[in-house]
PDB file of N, CA and C in Angstrom:
ATOM      1  N   PRO A   1       8.616  -8.596  -2.553  1.00  0.00           N
ATOM      2  CA  PRO A   1       8.456  -7.211  -2.719  1.00  0.00           C
ATOM      3  C   PRO A   1       9.734  -6.546  -3.230  1.00  0.00           C
ATOM      4  N   PRO A   2       9.655  -5.270  -3.715  1.00  0.00           N
ATOM      5  CA  PRO A   2      10.840  -4.621  -4.179  1.00  0.00           C
ATOM      6  C   PRO A   2      11.780  -4.455  -3.085  1.00  0.00           C
ATOM      7  N   ARG A   3      13.074  -4.118  -3.358  1.00  0.00           N
ATOM      8  CA  ARG A   3      14.048  -3.937  -2.330  1.00  0.00           C
ATOM      9  C   ARG A   3      13.683  -2.682  -1.475  1.00  0.00           C
ATOM     10  N   SER A   4      14.005  -2.728  -0.178  1.00  0.00           N
ATOM     11  CA  SER A   4      13.724  -1.665   0.712  1.00  0.00           C
ATOM     12  C   SER A   4      14.424  -0.369   0.377  1.00  0.00           C
ATOM     13  N   THR A   5      13.717   0.733   0.535  1.00  0.00           N
ATOM     14  CA  THR A   5      14.392   2.030   0.269  1.00  0.00           C
ATOM     15  C   THR A   5      15.160   2.468   1.512  1.00  0.00           C
ATOM     16  N   GLN A   6      14.721   2.005   2.663  1.00  0.00           N
ATOM     17  CA  GLN A   6      15.424   2.307   3.932  1.00  0.00           C
ATOM     18  C   GLN A   6      15.546   3.860   4.136  1.00  0.00           C
ATOM     19  N   SER A   7      14.866   4.543   3.401  1.00  0.00           N
ATOM     20  CA  SER A   7      14.872   6.012   3.525  1.00  0.00           C
ATOM     21  C   SER A   7      13.924   6.503   4.580  1.00  0.00           C
ATOM     22  N   GLY A   8      14.347   7.226   5.546  1.00  0.00           N
ATOM     23  CA  GLY A   8      13.441   7.712   6.576  1.00  0.00           C
ATOM     24  C   GLY A   8      12.933   6.537   7.388  1.00  0.00           C
ATOM     25  N   SER A   9      13.340   6.393   8.568  1.00  0.00           N
ATOM     26  CA  SER A   9      12.873   5.304   9.387  1.00  0.00           C
ATOM     27  C   SER A   9      11.645   5.765  10.139  1.00  0.00           C
ATOM     28  N   SER A  10      10.832   4.781  10.556  1.00  0.00           N
ATOM     29  CA  SER A  10       9.640   5.125  11.322  1.00  0.00           C
ATOM     30  C   SER A  10       9.580   4.056  12.466  1.00  0.00           C
ATOM     31  N   ALA A  11       8.844   4.464  13.484  1.00  0.00           N
ATOM     32  CA  ALA A  11       8.690   3.522  14.591  1.00  0.00           C
ATOM     33  C   ALA A  11       7.748   2.431  14.225  1.00  0.00           C
ATOM     34  N   ALA A  12       7.863   1.280  14.945  1.00  0.00           N
ATOM     35  CA  ALA A  12       7.094   0.137  14.630  1.00  0.00           C
ATOM     36  C   ALA A  12       5.599   0.465  14.901  1.00  0.00           C
ATOM     37  N   SER A  13       5.330   1.474  15.746  1.00  0.00           N
ATOM     38  CA  SER A  13       3.917   1.759  16.080  1.00  0.00           C
ATOM     39  C   SER A  13       3.277   2.785  15.143  1.00  0.00           C
ATOM     40  N   ASP A  14       3.995   3.220  14.112  1.00  0.00           N
ATOM     41  CA  ASP A  14       3.435   4.091  13.158  1.00  0.00           C
ATOM     42  C   ASP A  14       2.084   3.597  12.550  1.00  0.00           C
ATOM     43  N   VAL A  15       1.062   4.416  12.511  1.00  0.00           N
ATOM     44  CA  VAL A  15      -0.191   4.076  11.931  1.00  0.00           C
ATOM     45  C   VAL A  15      -0.452   4.811  10.705  1.00  0.00           C
ATOM     46  N   TYR A  16      -0.963   4.155   9.656  1.00  0.00           N
ATOM     47  CA  TYR A  16      -1.100   4.756   8.348  1.00  0.00           C
ATOM     48  C   TYR A  16      -2.601   4.628   7.979  1.00  0.00           C
ATOM     49  N   LYS A  17      -3.060   5.423   7.001  1.00  0.00           N
ATOM     50  CA  LYS A  17      -4.364   5.324   6.502  1.00  0.00           C
ATOM     51  C   LYS A  17      -4.217   5.298   4.978  1.00  0.00           C
ATOM     52  N   ARG A  18      -4.939   4.347   4.354  1.00  0.00           N
ATOM     53  CA  ARG A  18      -5.064   4.236   2.889  1.00  0.00           C
ATOM     54  C   ARG A  18      -6.328   4.715   2.395  1.00  0.00           C
ATOM     55  N   GLN A  19      -6.316   5.615   1.474  1.00  0.00           N
ATOM     56  CA  GLN A  19      -7.632   6.150   0.873  1.00  0.00           C
ATOM     57  C   GLN A  19      -7.663   5.721  -0.607  1.00  0.00           C
ATOM     58  N   VAL A  20      -8.816   5.127  -0.933  1.00  0.00           N
ATOM     59  CA  VAL A  20      -9.109   4.800  -2.327  1.00  0.00           C
ATOM     60  C   VAL A  20     -10.564   5.155  -2.625  1.00  0.00           C
ATOM     61  N   HIS A  21     -10.805   6.105  -3.505  1.00  0.00           N
ATOM     62  CA  HIS A  21     -12.125   6.473  -3.921  1.00  0.00           C
ATOM     63  C   HIS A  21     -13.059   6.654  -2.762  1.00  0.00           C
ATOM     64  N   GLY A  22     -12.523   7.449  -1.765  1.00  0.00           N
ATOM     65  CA  GLY A  22     -13.423   7.798  -0.595  1.00  0.00           C
ATOM     66  C   GLY A  22     -13.494   6.871   0.468  1.00  0.00           C
ATOM     67  N   GLN A  23     -12.927   5.596   0.300  1.00  0.00           N
ATOM     68  CA  GLN A  23     -12.853   4.596   1.361  1.00  0.00           C
ATOM     69  C   GLN A  23     -11.531   4.648   2.016  1.00  0.00           C
ATOM     70  N   SER A  24     -11.546   4.513   3.308  1.00  0.00           N
ATOM     71  CA  SER A  24     -10.266   4.563   4.113  1.00  0.00           C
ATOM     72  C   SER A  24     -10.139   3.291   4.924  1.00  0.00           C
ATOM     73  N   LYS A  25      -8.871   2.916   5.185  1.00  0.00           N
ATOM     74  CA  LYS A  25      -8.543   1.867   6.094  1.00  0.00           C
ATOM     75  C   LYS A  25      -7.286   2.181   6.840  1.00  0.00           C
ATOM     76  N   VAL A  26      -7.303   1.994   8.118  1.00  0.00           N
ATOM     77  CA  VAL A  26      -6.113   2.314   8.984  1.00  0.00           C
ATOM     78  C   VAL A  26      -5.372   0.994   9.230  1.00  0.00           C
ATOM     79  N   PHE A  27      -4.069   1.098   9.129  1.00  0.00           N
ATOM     80  CA  PHE A  27      -3.240  -0.141   9.291  1.00  0.00           C
ATOM     81  C   PHE A  27      -1.822   0.270   9.703  1.00  0.00           C
ATOM     82  N   LYS A  28      -0.998  -0.696  10.046  1.00  0.00           N
ATOM     83  CA  LYS A  28       0.359  -0.466  10.494  1.00  0.00           C
ATOM     84  C   LYS A  28       1.318  -0.874   9.301  1.00  0.00           C
ATOM     85  N   GLU A  29       2.418  -0.331   9.329  1.00  0.00           N
ATOM     86  CA  GLU A  29       3.511  -0.648   8.344  1.00  0.00           C
ATOM     87  C   GLU A  29       4.046  -2.055   8.699  1.00  0.00           C
ATOM     88  N   VAL A  30       4.461  -2.825   7.692  1.00  0.00           N
ATOM     89  CA  VAL A  30       4.969  -4.186   7.827  1.00  0.00           C
ATOM     90  C   VAL A  30       6.179  -4.287   8.627  1.00  0.00           C
ATOM     91  N   GLY A  31       7.115  -3.507   8.439  1.00  0.00           N
ATOM     92  CA  GLY A  31       8.449  -3.571   9.126  1.00  0.00           C
ATOM     93  C   GLY A  31       8.947  -2.179   9.470  1.00  0.00           C
ATOM     94  N   VAL A  32       9.767  -2.110  10.465  1.00  0.00           N
ATOM     95  CA  VAL A  32      10.294  -0.822  10.888  1.00  0.00           C
ATOM     96  C   VAL A  32      11.135  -0.204   9.704  1.00  0.00           C
ATOM     97  N   GLY A  33      10.678   0.970   9.244  1.00  0.00           N
ATOM     98  CA  GLY A  33      11.403   1.661   8.181  1.00  0.00           C
ATOM     99  C   GLY A  33      11.384   1.017   6.839  1.00  0.00           C
ATOM    100  N   SER A  34      10.554  -0.060   6.665  1.00  0.00           N
ATOM    101  CA  SER A  34      10.530  -0.758   5.407  1.00  0.00           C
ATOM    102  C   SER A  34       9.700   0.030   4.309  1.00  0.00           C
ATOM    103  N   LYS A  35       8.676   0.657   4.723  1.00  0.00           N
ATOM    104  CA  LYS A  35       7.749   1.419   3.816  1.00  0.00           C
ATOM    105  C   LYS A  35       7.047   0.426   2.874  1.00  0.00           C
ATOM    106  N   TYR A  36       6.791  -0.853   3.296  1.00  0.00           N
ATOM    107  CA  TYR A  36       5.968  -1.772   2.562  1.00  0.00           C
ATOM    108  C   TYR A  36       4.641  -1.934   3.329  1.00  0.00           C
ATOM    109  N   TRP A  37       3.553  -1.606   2.655  1.00  0.00           N
ATOM    110  CA  TRP A  37       2.289  -1.807   3.328  1.00  0.00           C
ATOM    111  C   TRP A  37       1.776  -3.130   2.754  1.00  0.00           C
ATOM    112  N   GLY A  38       1.918  -4.156   3.536  1.00  0.00           N
ATOM    113  CA  GLY A  38       1.695  -5.505   3.138  1.00  0.00           C
ATOM    114  C   GLY A  38       0.342  -5.937   2.828  1.00  0.00           C
ATOM    115  N   GLN A  39      -0.694  -5.175   3.068  1.00  0.00           N
ATOM    116  CA  GLN A  39      -2.066  -5.548   2.645  1.00  0.00           C
ATOM    117  C   GLN A  39      -2.086  -5.537   1.175  1.00  0.00           C
ATOM    118  N   HIS A  40      -2.595  -6.656   0.614  1.00  0.00           N
ATOM    119  CA  HIS A  40      -2.825  -6.698  -0.855  1.00  0.00           C
ATOM    120  C   HIS A  40      -4.166  -6.090  -1.079  1.00  0.00           C
ATOM    121  N   TYR A  41      -4.238  -4.999  -1.866  1.00  0.00           N
ATOM    122  CA  TYR A  41      -5.433  -4.350  -2.159  1.00  0.00           C
ATOM    123  C   TYR A  41      -6.080  -4.834  -3.486  1.00  0.00           C
ATOM    124  N   PHE A  42      -7.330  -5.340  -3.420  1.00  0.00           N
ATOM    125  CA  PHE A  42      -8.011  -5.773  -4.619  1.00  0.00           C
ATOM    126  C   PHE A  42      -9.038  -4.671  -4.936  1.00  0.00           C
ATOM    127  N   PHE A  43      -9.117  -4.322  -6.138  1.00  0.00           N
ATOM    128  CA  PHE A  43     -10.035  -3.344  -6.590  1.00  0.00           C
ATOM    129  C   PHE A  43     -10.696  -3.728  -7.974  1.00  0.00           C
ATOM    130  N   THR A  44     -12.029  -3.810  -8.028  1.00  0.00           N
ATOM    131  CA  THR A  44     -12.721  -4.072  -9.261  1.00  0.00           C
ATOM    132  C   THR A  44     -13.649  -2.882  -9.534  1.00  0.00           C
ATOM    133  N   LYS A  45     -13.530  -2.432 -10.768  1.00  0.00           N
ATOM    134  CA  LYS A  45     -14.391  -1.317 -11.214  1.00  0.00           C
ATOM    135  C   LYS A  45     -15.279  -1.821 -12.283  1.00  0.00           C
ATOM    136  N   ARG A  46     -16.592  -1.673 -12.079  1.00  0.00           N
ATOM    137  CA  ARG A  46     -17.609  -2.002 -13.050  1.00  0.00           C
ATOM    138  C   ARG A  46     -17.940  -0.781 -13.895  1.00  0.00           C
ATOM    139  N   ILE A  47     -17.870  -0.925 -15.191  1.00  0.00           N
ATOM    140  CA  ILE A  47     -18.090   0.189 -16.145  1.00  0.00           C
ATOM    141  C   ILE A  47     -19.386  -0.063 -16.851  1.00  0.00           C
ATOM    142  N   GLU A  48     -20.266   0.883 -16.845  1.00  0.00           N
ATOM    143  CA  GLU A  48     -21.543   0.828 -17.593  1.00  0.00           C
ATOM    144  C   GLU A  48     -21.367   1.322 -19.044  1.00  0.00           C
ATOM    145  N   GLU A  49     -20.645   2.369 -19.168  1.00  0.00           N
ATOM    146  CA  GLU A  49     -20.444   2.956 -20.510  1.00  0.00           C
ATOM    147  C   GLU A  49     -18.953   3.052 -20.806  1.00  0.00           C
ATOM    148  N   THR A  50     -18.591   2.779 -22.056  1.00  0.00           N
ATOM    149  CA  THR A  50     -17.181   2.741 -22.448  1.00  0.00           C
ATOM    150  C   THR A  50     -16.441   4.091 -22.213  1.00  0.00           C
ATOM    151  N   PHE A  51     -17.149   5.208 -22.281  1.00  0.00           N
ATOM    152  CA  PHE A  51     -16.446   6.484 -22.067  1.00  0.00           C
ATOM    153  C   PHE A  51     -15.893   6.594 -20.736  1.00  0.00           C
ATOM    154  N   GLN A  52     -16.484   5.900 -19.767  1.00  0.00           N
ATOM    155  CA  GLN A  52     -16.003   5.935 -18.376  1.00  0.00           C
ATOM    156  C   GLN A  52     -14.583   5.402 -18.310  1.00  0.00           C
ATOM    157  N   ILE A  53     -14.196   4.465 -19.060  1.00  0.00           N
ATOM    158  CA  ILE A  53     -12.844   3.885 -19.038  1.00  0.00           C
ATOM    159  C   ILE A  53     -11.807   4.956 -19.365  1.00  0.00           C
ATOM    160  N   GLU A  54     -12.101   5.839 -20.207  1.00  0.00           N
ATOM    161  CA  GLU A  54     -11.164   6.948 -20.616  1.00  0.00           C
ATOM    162  C   GLU A  54     -11.105   7.967 -19.592  1.00  0.00           C
ATOM    163  N   GLN A  55     -12.211   8.221 -18.880  1.00  0.00           N
ATOM    164  CA  GLN A  55     -12.284   9.386 -17.965  1.00  0.00           C
ATOM    165  C   GLN A  55     -11.881   9.102 -16.541  1.00  0.00           C
ATOM    166  N   GLU A  56     -12.022   7.809 -16.057  1.00  0.00           N
ATOM    167  CA  GLU A  56     -11.775   7.558 -14.672  1.00  0.00           C
ATOM    168  C   GLU A  56     -10.358   7.084 -14.393  1.00  0.00           C
ATOM    169  N   ARG A  57      -9.930   7.380 -13.177  1.00  0.00           N
ATOM    170  CA  ARG A  57      -8.613   6.980 -12.647  1.00  0.00           C
ATOM    171  C   ARG A  57      -8.768   6.330 -11.317  1.00  0.00           C
ATOM    172  N   LEU A  58      -7.875   5.494 -11.015  1.00  0.00           N
ATOM    173  CA  LEU A  58      -7.748   4.917  -9.661  1.00  0.00           C
ATOM    174  C   LEU A  58      -6.625   5.613  -8.968  1.00  0.00           C
ATOM    175  N   LYS A  59      -6.998   6.263  -7.863  1.00  0.00           N
ATOM    176  CA  LYS A  59      -5.994   7.037  -7.073  1.00  0.00           C
ATOM    177  C   LYS A  59      -5.906   6.430  -5.682  1.00  0.00           C
ATOM    178  N   ILE A  60      -4.720   6.079  -5.259  1.00  0.00           N
ATOM    179  CA  ILE A  60      -4.464   5.514  -3.924  1.00  0.00           C
ATOM    180  C   ILE A  60      -3.484   6.429  -3.149  1.00  0.00           C
ATOM    181  N   LYS A  61      -3.787   6.728  -1.908  1.00  0.00           N
ATOM    182  CA  LYS A  61      -2.987   7.559  -1.038  1.00  0.00           C
ATOM    183  C   LYS A  61      -2.705   6.807   0.239  1.00  0.00           C
ATOM    184  N   VAL A  62      -1.471   6.928   0.686  1.00  0.00           N
ATOM    185  CA  VAL A  62      -1.084   6.401   1.997  1.00  0.00           C
ATOM    186  C   VAL A  62      -0.727   7.592   2.769  1.00  0.00           C
ATOM    187  N   LEU A  63      -1.444   7.716   3.975  1.00  0.00           N
ATOM    188  CA  LEU A  63      -1.213   8.857   4.812  1.00  0.00           C
ATOM    189  C   LEU A  63      -0.713   8.491   6.197  1.00  0.00           C
ATOM    190  N   ASN A  64       0.120   9.278   6.818  1.00  0.00           N
ATOM    191  CA  ASN A  64       0.578   8.986   8.127  1.00  0.00           C
ATOM    192  C   ASN A  64      -0.555   9.558   9.061  1.00  0.00           C
ATOM    193  N   HIS A  65      -1.115   8.573   9.774  1.00  0.00           N
ATOM    194  CA  HIS A  65      -2.296   8.856  10.600  1.00  0.00           C
ATOM    195  C   HIS A  65      -1.945   9.306  12.004  1.00  0.00           C
ATOM    196  N   LYS A  66      -0.638   9.490  12.297  1.00  0.00           N
ATOM    197  CA  LYS A  66      -0.206   9.913  13.608  1.00  0.00           C
ATOM    198  C   LYS A  66      -0.279  11.415  13.765  1.00  0.00           C
ATOM    199  N   LYS A  67      -0.353  12.130  12.749  1.00  0.00           N
ATOM    200  CA  LYS A  67      -0.404  13.635  12.813  1.00  0.00           C
ATOM    201  C   LYS A  67      -1.613  14.080  13.478  1.00  0.00           C
ATOM    202  N   ILE A  68      -1.588  15.075  14.329  1.00  0.00           N
ATOM    203  CA  ILE A  68      -2.659  15.545  15.161  1.00  0.00           C
ATOM    204  C   ILE A  68      -3.800  16.199  14.359  1.00  0.00           C
ATOM    205  N   ALA A  69      -3.463  17.217  13.648  1.00  0.00           N
ATOM    206  CA  ALA A  69      -4.555  17.972  12.964  1.00  0.00           C
ATOM    207  C   ALA A  69      -4.997  17.310  11.699  1.00  0.00           C
ATOM    208  N   THR A  70      -4.067  16.823  10.943  1.00  0.00           N
ATOM    209  CA  THR A  70      -4.400  16.295   9.579  1.00  0.00           C
ATOM    210  C   THR A  70      -3.460  15.128   9.237  1.00  0.00           C
ATOM    211  N   ASP A  71      -3.912  14.283   8.383  1.00  0.00           N
ATOM    212  CA  ASP A  71      -3.069  13.136   7.959  1.00  0.00           C
ATOM    213  C   ASP A  71      -2.055  13.715   6.906  1.00  0.00           C
ATOM    214  N   ALA A  72      -0.798  13.273   7.158  1.00  0.00           N
ATOM    215  CA  ALA A  72       0.303  13.762   6.292  1.00  0.00           C
ATOM    216  C   ALA A  72       0.456  12.743   5.171  1.00  0.00           C
ATOM    217  N   LEU A  73       0.509  13.217   3.987  1.00  0.00           N
ATOM    218  CA  LEU A  73       0.650  12.335   2.822  1.00  0.00           C
ATOM    219  C   LEU A  73       2.035  11.701   2.841  1.00  0.00           C
ATOM    220  N   VAL A  74       2.122  10.365   2.744  1.00  0.00           N
ATOM    221  CA  VAL A  74       3.345   9.608   2.622  1.00  0.00           C
ATOM    222  C   VAL A  74       3.631   9.497   1.172  1.00  0.00           C
ATOM    223  N   GLY A  75       2.675   9.008   0.371  1.00  0.00           N
ATOM    224  CA  GLY A  75       2.858   8.876  -1.003  1.00  0.00           C
ATOM    225  C   GLY A  75       1.544   8.525  -1.706  1.00  0.00           C
ATOM    226  N   ALA A  76       1.502   8.601  -2.965  1.00  0.00           N
ATOM    227  CA  ALA A  76       0.277   8.250  -3.787  1.00  0.00           C
ATOM    228  C   ALA A  76       0.682   7.595  -5.102  1.00  0.00           C
ATOM    229  N   PHE A  77      -0.348   6.828  -5.636  1.00  0.00           N
ATOM    230  CA  PHE A  77      -0.249   6.153  -6.871  1.00  0.00           C
ATOM    231  C   PHE A  77      -1.522   6.498  -7.613  1.00  0.00           C
ATOM    232  N   ASP A  78      -1.411   6.671  -9.017  1.00  0.00           N
ATOM    233  CA  ASP A  78      -2.509   7.088  -9.780  1.00  0.00           C
ATOM    234  C   ASP A  78      -2.356   6.318 -11.126  1.00  0.00           C
ATOM    235  N   ILE A  79      -3.399   5.709 -11.543  1.00  0.00           N
ATOM    236  CA  ILE A  79      -3.404   4.941 -12.813  1.00  0.00           C
ATOM    237  C   ILE A  79      -4.748   5.192 -13.537  1.00  0.00           C
ATOM    238  N   SER A  80      -4.789   5.298 -14.890  1.00  0.00           N
ATOM    239  CA  SER A  80      -5.999   5.386 -15.561  1.00  0.00           C
ATOM    240  C   SER A  80      -6.618   4.050 -15.728  1.00  0.00           C
ATOM    241  N   LEU A  81      -8.010   3.941 -15.668  1.00  0.00           N
ATOM    242  CA  LEU A  81      -8.625   2.718 -15.907  1.00  0.00           C
ATOM    243  C   LEU A  81      -8.448   2.195 -17.300  1.00  0.00           C
ATOM    244  N   ALA A  82      -8.146   3.106 -18.266  1.00  0.00           N
ATOM    245  CA  ALA A  82      -7.882   2.635 -19.666  1.00  0.00           C
ATOM    246  C   ALA A  82      -6.580   1.766 -19.665  1.00  0.00           C
ATOM    247  N   SER A  83      -5.626   2.143 -18.847  1.00  0.00           N
ATOM    248  CA  SER A  83      -4.378   1.369 -18.771  1.00  0.00           C
ATOM    249  C   SER A  83      -4.717  -0.059 -18.259  1.00  0.00           C
ATOM    250  N   VAL A  84      -5.512  -0.096 -17.325  1.00  0.00           N
ATOM    251  CA  VAL A  84      -5.924  -1.417 -16.749  1.00  0.00           C
ATOM    252  C   VAL A  84      -6.725  -2.214 -17.798  1.00  0.00           C
ATOM    253  N   TYR A  85      -7.681  -1.536 -18.443  1.00  0.00           N
ATOM    254  CA  TYR A  85      -8.565  -2.192 -19.422  1.00  0.00           C
ATOM    255  C   TYR A  85      -7.741  -2.768 -20.557  1.00  0.00           C
ATOM    256  N   LEU A  86      -6.677  -2.023 -21.018  1.00  0.00           N
ATOM    257  CA  LEU A  86      -5.928  -2.503 -22.117  1.00  0.00           C
ATOM    258  C   LEU A  86      -4.878  -3.645 -21.756  1.00  0.00           C
ATOM    259  N   ALA A  87      -4.753  -3.856 -20.463  1.00  0.00           N
ATOM    260  CA  ALA A  87      -3.869  -4.933 -20.017  1.00  0.00           C
ATOM    261  C   ALA A  87      -4.548  -6.359 -20.356  1.00  0.00           C
ATOM    262  N   ASP A  88      -3.736  -7.425 -20.292  1.00  0.00           N
ATOM    263  CA  ASP A  88      -4.235  -8.722 -20.566  1.00  0.00           C
ATOM    264  C   ASP A  88      -5.348  -9.065 -19.619  1.00  0.00           C
ATOM    265  N   GLN A  89      -6.501  -9.479 -20.193  1.00  0.00           N
ATOM    266  CA  GLN A  89      -7.730  -9.883 -19.390  1.00  0.00           C
ATOM    267  C   GLN A  89      -8.237  -8.698 -18.645  1.00  0.00           C
ATOM    268  N   HIS A  90      -8.020  -7.529 -19.015  1.00  0.00           N
ATOM    269  CA  HIS A  90      -8.495  -6.255 -18.399  1.00  0.00           C
ATOM    270  C   HIS A  90      -8.182  -6.172 -16.931  1.00  0.00           C
ATOM    271  N   CYS A  91      -6.991  -6.613 -16.534  1.00  0.00           N
ATOM    272  CA  CYS A  91      -6.601  -6.567 -15.178  1.00  0.00           C
ATOM    273  C   CYS A  91      -5.072  -6.493 -14.945  1.00  0.00           C
ATOM    274  N   ILE A  92      -4.676  -5.999 -13.835  1.00  0.00           N
ATOM    275  CA  ILE A  92      -3.321  -6.003 -13.355  1.00  0.00           C
ATOM    276  C   ILE A  92      -3.306  -6.783 -12.124  1.00  0.00           C
ATOM    277  N   GLN A  93      -2.487  -7.831 -11.965  1.00  0.00           N
ATOM    278  CA  GLN A  93      -2.571  -8.780 -10.748  1.00  0.00           C
ATOM    279  C   GLN A  93      -1.320  -8.791 -10.061  1.00  0.00           C
ATOM    280  N   HIS A  94      -1.443  -8.674  -8.735  1.00  0.00           N
ATOM    281  CA  HIS A  94      -0.305  -8.865  -7.738  1.00  0.00           C
ATOM    282  C   HIS A  94       0.943  -7.999  -8.079  1.00  0.00           C
ATOM    283  N   GLN A  95       0.654  -6.710  -8.339  1.00  0.00           N
ATOM    284  CA  GLN A  95       1.784  -5.823  -8.649  1.00  0.00           C
ATOM    285  C   GLN A  95       2.127  -4.890  -7.489  1.00  0.00           C
ATOM    286  N   TRP A  96       3.481  -4.786  -7.229  1.00  0.00           N
ATOM    287  CA  TRP A  96       3.920  -3.830  -6.250  1.00  0.00           C
ATOM    288  C   TRP A  96       4.083  -2.479  -7.088  1.00  0.00           C
ATOM    289  N   VAL A  97       3.470  -1.425  -6.529  1.00  0.00           N
ATOM    290  CA  VAL A  97       3.568  -0.131  -7.144  1.00  0.00           C
ATOM    291  C   VAL A  97       4.267   0.828  -6.165  1.00  0.00           C
ATOM    292  N   GLY A  98       5.068   1.690  -6.747  1.00  0.00           N
ATOM    293  CA  GLY A  98       5.671   2.737  -5.902  1.00  0.00           C
ATOM    294  C   GLY A  98       4.840   3.895  -5.727  1.00  0.00           C
ATOM    295  N   LEU A  99       4.999   4.458  -4.442  1.00  0.00           N
ATOM    296  CA  LEU A  99       4.248   5.653  -4.037  1.00  0.00           C
ATOM    297  C   LEU A  99       5.101   6.845  -4.174  1.00  0.00           C
ATOM    298  N   SER A 100       4.680   7.902  -4.734  1.00  0.00           N
ATOM    299  CA  SER A 100       5.457   9.119  -4.909  1.00  0.00           C
ATOM    300  C   SER A 100       4.754  10.316  -4.174  1.00  0.00           C
ATOM    301  N   ASN A 101       5.450  11.284  -3.857  1.00  0.00           N
ATOM    302  CA  ASN A 101       4.972  12.452  -3.156  1.00  0.00           C
ATOM    303  C   ASN A 101       5.608  13.669  -3.783  1.00  0.00           C
ATOM    304  N   ALA A 102       4.822  14.368  -4.629  1.00  0.00           N
ATOM    305  CA  ALA A 102       5.274  15.541  -5.413  1.00  0.00           C
ATOM    306  C   ALA A 102       5.647  16.671  -4.430  1.00  0.00           C
ATOM    307  N   PHE A 103       5.091  16.687  -3.231  1.00  0.00           N
ATOM    308  CA  PHE A 103       5.348  17.757  -2.294  1.00  0.00           C
ATOM    309  C   PHE A 103       6.673  17.599  -1.574  1.00  0.00           C
ATOM    310  N   LYS A 104       7.217  16.380  -1.600  1.00  0.00           N
ATOM    311  CA  LYS A 104       8.557  16.163  -0.966  1.00  0.00           C
ATOM    312  C   LYS A 104       9.623  15.957  -2.027  1.00  0.00           C
ATOM    313  N   ASN A 105       9.574  14.919  -2.778  1.00  0.00           N
ATOM    314  CA  ASN A 105      10.464  14.639  -3.817  1.00  0.00           C
ATOM    315  C   ASN A 105       9.810  13.651  -4.798  1.00  0.00           C
ATOM    316  N   TYR A 106       9.392  14.222  -5.914  1.00  0.00           N
ATOM    317  CA  TYR A 106       8.638  13.391  -6.871  1.00  0.00           C
ATOM    318  C   TYR A 106       9.359  12.219  -7.377  1.00  0.00           C
ATOM    319  N   GLU A 107      10.697  12.379  -7.512  1.00  0.00           N
ATOM    320  CA  GLU A 107      11.526  11.250  -8.120  1.00  0.00           C
ATOM    321  C   GLU A 107      11.786  10.154  -7.116  1.00  0.00           C
ATOM    322  N   LYS A 108      11.617  10.309  -5.851  1.00  0.00           N
ATOM    323  CA  LYS A 108      11.929   9.344  -4.872  1.00  0.00           C
ATOM    324  C   LYS A 108      10.671   8.455  -4.528  1.00  0.00           C
ATOM    325  N   ILE A 109      10.904   7.140  -4.471  1.00  0.00           N
ATOM    326  CA  ILE A 109       9.861   6.241  -4.023  1.00  0.00           C
ATOM    327  C   ILE A 109       9.685   6.353  -2.507  1.00  0.00           C
ATOM    328  N   MET A 110       8.481   6.620  -2.039  1.00  0.00           N
ATOM    329  CA  MET A 110       8.193   6.827  -0.635  1.00  0.00           C
ATOM    330  C   MET A 110       7.679   5.596   0.039  1.00  0.00           C
ATOM    331  N   GLY A 111       7.349   4.601  -0.701  1.00  0.00           N
ATOM    332  CA  GLY A 111       6.916   3.247  -0.187  1.00  0.00           C
ATOM    333  C   GLY A 111       6.223   2.511  -1.265  1.00  0.00           C
ATOM    334  N   TYR A 112       5.701   1.286  -0.885  1.00  0.00           N
ATOM    335  CA  TYR A 112       5.150   0.381  -1.831  1.00  0.00           C
ATOM    336  C   TYR A 112       3.815  -0.144  -1.320  1.00  0.00           C
ATOM    337  N   VAL A 113       2.908  -0.418  -2.292  1.00  0.00           N
ATOM    338  CA  VAL A 113       1.686  -1.154  -1.963  1.00  0.00           C
ATOM    339  C   VAL A 113       1.501  -2.154  -3.046  1.00  0.00           C
ATOM    340  N   LYS A 114       0.806  -3.298  -2.702  1.00  0.00           N
ATOM    341  CA  LYS A 114       0.561  -4.380  -3.603  1.00  0.00           C
ATOM    342  C   LYS A 114      -0.895  -4.296  -4.106  1.00  0.00           C
ATOM    343  N   LEU A 115      -1.111  -4.324  -5.428  1.00  0.00           N
ATOM    344  CA  LEU A 115      -2.477  -4.099  -5.998  1.00  0.00           C
ATOM    345  C   LEU A 115      -2.786  -5.254  -6.955  1.00  0.00           C
ATOM    346  N   SER A 116      -4.122  -5.461  -7.016  1.00  0.00           N
ATOM    347  CA  SER A 116      -4.692  -6.175  -8.123  1.00  0.00           C
ATOM    348  C   SER A 116      -5.932  -5.430  -8.547  1.00  0.00           C
ATOM    349  N   ILE A 117      -5.985  -4.999  -9.790  1.00  0.00           N
ATOM    350  CA  ILE A 117      -7.060  -4.160 -10.353  1.00  0.00           C
ATOM    351  C   ILE A 117      -7.696  -4.797 -11.489  1.00  0.00           C
ATOM    352  N   SER A 118      -8.996  -4.787 -11.589  1.00  0.00           N
ATOM    353  CA  SER A 118      -9.680  -5.237 -12.759  1.00  0.00           C
ATOM    354  C   SER A 118     -10.789  -4.312 -13.183  1.00  0.00           C
ATOM    355  N   VAL A 119     -11.045  -4.273 -14.467  1.00  0.00           N
ATOM    356  CA  VAL A 119     -12.105  -3.511 -15.003  1.00  0.00           C
ATOM    357  C   VAL A 119     -13.078  -4.402 -15.711  1.00  0.00           C
ATOM    358  N   ILE A 120     -14.349  -4.295 -15.306  1.00  0.00           N
ATOM    359  CA  ILE A 120     -15.469  -5.147 -15.878  1.00  0.00           C
ATOM    360  C   ILE A 120     -16.422  -4.291 -16.572  1.00  0.00           C
ATOM    361  N   THR A 121     -16.699  -4.643 -17.903  1.00  0.00           N
ATOM    362  CA  THR A 121     -17.631  -3.829 -18.657  1.00  0.00           C
ATOM    363  C   THR A 121     -19.004  -4.515 -18.659  1.00  0.00           C
ATOM    364  N   LYS A 122     -19.961  -3.758 -19.084  1.00  0.00           N
ATOM    365  CA  LYS A 122     -21.323  -4.217 -19.110  1.00  0.00           C
ATOM    366  C   LYS A 122     -21.511  -5.336 -20.178  1.00  0.00           C
ATOM    367  N   HIS A 123     -20.765  -5.333 -21.159  1.00  0.00           N
ATOM    368  CA  HIS A 123     -20.901  -6.275 -22.310  1.00  0.00           C
ATOM    369  C   HIS A 123     -20.561  -7.649 -21.936  1.00  0.00           C
TER     370      HIS A 123
END
């Protein structure tokens, strides 16, 4: 994984929620203050029409699930499916991506998730 940012420590019991296209999963951080969410997320998008590749995006959010009233955004990652489709073999494999949070400090990496994304077309 990328080097730890060690910015902002969190307790080992912190619980987080990952949201991708309406699906959520609750999990714990890999290490105290590390901000590496060690689950490797695999995502495959089936495309029926080619115009969908240009219009759709994959959006991933990591939320701090300890907050009482609402989940607080830790960071997010957003990529167009066209970028994935244009990659070798229409996929991005085993990539650590940085999470940013425009509401706190857009230039600062708030954490990392590991992704494999593929786009499959009808043809």
